[in-house]
């Protein structure tokens, strides 16, 4: 633990970071997107599949393990036990739609990050020697002779 900071001080610092706020916004938008995706599956795709299967309500598909037991008055004394695989299939379809949308989003974000690399900068040519350097070089060459 950092010196001079209590538990709540560290928590405040953690919450104030930008990543936590970004994550919170992502969770909220993700929840809203989940509702849109669920509506797409339940209200648009499943009725179309139901129409293709002869009007069968896809989400009503189930495998009854034990039928409901009714008493003489027609009230349920023991509820039905069933495997609701139609609802399960709708949930799988919902997941696939969300996974595809997230894949497309990540792909777009990665494409934005992969900008064309800038060509490497040409190394600057060495600056021309100053007049003093030229004169000193001439003197050096004369002394060598």
Protein backbone atom coordinates (compact mmCIF):
# COMPACT_ATOMS: atom_id res chain seq x y z
CA UNK A 1 0.00 0.00 0.00
CA UNK A 2 1.26 3.45 -0.87
CA UNK A 3 2.52 5.47 2.05
CA UNK A 4 0.14 8.17 3.22
CA UNK A 5 -2.87 6.80 1.31
CA UNK A 6 -5.59 4.87 2.94
CA UNK A 7 -7.86 2.31 1.40
CA UNK A 8 -10.39 4.92 0.28
CA UNK A 9 -7.65 7.17 -1.11
CA UNK A 10 -6.40 4.33 -3.29
CA UNK A 11 -9.96 3.53 -4.34
CA UNK A 12 -10.58 7.16 -5.31
CA UNK A 13 -7.37 7.17 -7.37
CA UNK A 14 -8.43 3.91 -9.07
CA UNK A 15 -11.89 5.25 -9.92
CA UNK A 16 -10.51 8.54 -11.25
CA UNK A 17 -8.43 6.78 -13.90
CA UNK A 18 -9.74 7.13 -17.43
CA UNK A 19 -9.76 3.39 -18.08
CA UNK A 20 -12.32 2.74 -15.37
CA UNK A 21 -14.63 5.41 -16.76
CA UNK A 22 -14.22 4.01 -20.28
CA UNK A 23 -15.05 0.56 -18.97
CA UNK A 24 -18.17 1.85 -17.20
CA UNK A 25 -19.39 3.53 -20.39
CA UNK A 26 -18.69 0.29 -22.28
CA UNK A 27 -20.71 -1.76 -19.81
CA UNK A 28 -23.68 0.61 -20.04
CA UNK A 29 -23.62 0.72 -23.83
CA UNK A 30 -23.09 -3.04 -23.93
CA UNK A 31 -26.21 -3.56 -21.81
CA UNK A 32 -28.23 -1.36 -24.13
CA UNK A 33 -26.82 -3.15 -27.17
CA UNK A 34 -27.72 -6.49 -25.58
CA UNK A 35 -31.34 -5.37 -25.38
CA UNK A 36 -31.28 -4.36 -29.05
CA UNK A 37 -29.76 -7.69 -30.01
CA UNK A 38 -32.31 -9.62 -27.94
CA UNK A 39 -35.13 -7.70 -29.58
CA UNK A 40 -33.66 -8.42 -33.01
CA UNK A 41 -33.58 -12.15 -32.26
CA UNK A 42 -36.97 -12.38 -30.52
CA UNK A 43 -38.97 -9.92 -32.59
CA UNK A 44 -37.50 -10.24 -36.10
CA UNK A 45 -35.39 -13.36 -36.63
CA UNK A 46 -37.43 -15.88 -34.61
CA UNK A 47 -40.76 -14.98 -36.29
CA UNK A 48 -39.06 -15.43 -39.69
CA UNK A 49 -37.70 -18.83 -38.64
CA UNK A 50 -41.15 -19.71 -37.27
CA UNK A 51 -42.68 -18.82 -40.64
CA UNK A 52 -40.17 -21.06 -42.43
CA UNK A 53 -40.97 -23.95 -40.10
CA UNK A 54 -44.72 -23.76 -40.75
CA UNK A 55 -45.79 -21.31 -38.06
CA UNK A 56 -44.25 -23.13 -35.11
CA UNK A 57 -43.22 -20.77 -32.31
CA UNK A 58 -39.52 -21.43 -32.18
CA UNK A 59 -39.13 -20.36 -28.55
CA UNK A 60 -41.89 -22.77 -27.57
CA UNK A 61 -39.86 -25.75 -28.73
CA UNK A 62 -39.25 -27.92 -25.70
CA UNK A 63 -38.75 -31.46 -24.61
CA UNK A 64 -41.22 -32.29 -21.85
CA UNK A 65 -39.66 -34.56 -19.23
CA UNK A 66 -42.71 -34.63 -16.98
CA UNK A 67 -46.09 -33.18 -17.83
CA UNK A 68 -47.87 -30.86 -15.43
CA UNK A 69 -50.24 -32.57 -13.00
CA UNK A 70 -53.67 -30.96 -12.63
CA UNK A 71 -56.20 -31.56 -9.86
CA UNK A 72 -59.95 -31.99 -10.39
CA UNK A 73 -60.47 -28.21 -10.40
CA UNK A 74 -57.91 -27.80 -13.20
CA UNK A 75 -55.27 -26.16 -11.05
CA UNK A 76 -51.64 -27.19 -11.39
CA UNK A 77 -50.49 -29.29 -8.46
CA UNK A 78 -47.13 -30.21 -9.96
CA UNK A 79 -45.62 -27.96 -12.64
CA UNK A 80 -44.29 -29.22 -15.95
CA UNK A 81 -40.62 -30.12 -16.15
CA UNK A 82 -39.21 -29.43 -19.60
CA UNK A 83 -36.01 -28.67 -21.45
CA UNK A 84 -36.67 -25.39 -23.31
CA UNK A 85 -34.21 -25.84 -26.15
CA UNK A 86 -36.01 -23.28 -28.35
CA UNK A 87 -35.23 -20.53 -25.85
CA UNK A 88 -31.69 -21.86 -25.59
CA UNK A 89 -31.27 -21.70 -29.38
CA UNK A 90 -32.62 -18.13 -29.39
CA UNK A 91 -30.07 -17.22 -26.71
CA UNK A 92 -27.27 -18.80 -28.76
CA UNK A 93 -28.37 -16.78 -31.80
CA UNK A 94 -28.43 -13.65 -29.64
CA UNK A 95 -24.87 -14.40 -28.49
CA UNK A 96 -23.67 -14.94 -32.07
CA UNK A 97 -25.11 -11.59 -33.14
CA UNK A 98 -23.43 -9.79 -30.21
CA UNK A 99 -20.13 -11.60 -30.84
CA UNK A 100 -20.26 -10.64 -34.53
CA UNK A 101 -20.95 -7.00 -33.67
CA UNK A 102 -18.04 -6.92 -31.18
CA UNK A 103 -15.79 -8.59 -33.78
CA UNK A 104 -16.71 -5.91 -36.35
CA UNK A 105 -16.09 -3.16 -33.79
CA UNK A 106 -12.67 -4.53 -32.81
CA UNK A 107 -11.77 -5.00 -36.47
CA UNK A 108 -12.67 -1.35 -37.19
CA UNK A 109 -10.70 -0.11 -34.18
CA UNK A 110 -7.67 -2.15 -35.22
CA UNK A 111 -7.92 -0.80 -38.78
CA UNK A 112 -7.89 2.75 -37.41
CA UNK A 113 -4.79 1.98 -35.35
CA UNK A 114 -3.00 0.48 -38.36
CA UNK A 115 -2.45 3.67 -40.25
CA UNK A 116 -0.09 3.62 -43.18
CA UNK A 117 3.41 3.81 -41.80
CA UNK A 118 5.15 7.06 -42.54
CA UNK A 119 8.15 6.64 -44.79
CA UNK A 120 11.36 6.79 -42.80
CA UNK A 121 12.77 10.26 -42.63
CA UNK A 122 15.75 10.86 -44.90
CA UNK A 123 18.83 11.46 -42.86
CA UNK A 124 19.82 15.09 -43.11
CA UNK A 125 23.02 15.62 -45.03
CA UNK A 126 25.93 16.81 -43.01
CA UNK A 127 26.02 20.60 -42.98
CA UNK A 128 28.71 22.21 -45.08
CA UNK A 129 31.79 23.06 -43.11
CA UNK A 130 32.11 26.66 -42.03
CA UNK A 131 34.73 28.98 -43.51
CA UNK A 132 36.88 28.50 -40.40
CA UNK A 133 36.77 24.72 -40.79
CA UNK A 134 37.71 25.03 -44.48
CA UNK A 135 40.66 27.25 -43.62
CA UNK A 136 41.80 24.91 -40.85
CA UNK A 137 41.57 21.95 -43.24
CA UNK A 138 43.72 23.84 -45.79
CA UNK A 139 46.30 24.65 -43.12
CA UNK A 140 46.37 21.01 -42.02
CA UNK A 141 46.88 19.84 -45.60
CA UNK A 142 49.71 22.37 -46.14
CA UNK A 143 51.45 21.26 -42.94
CA UNK A 144 51.31 17.64 -44.08
CA UNK A 145 53.20 18.58 -47.24
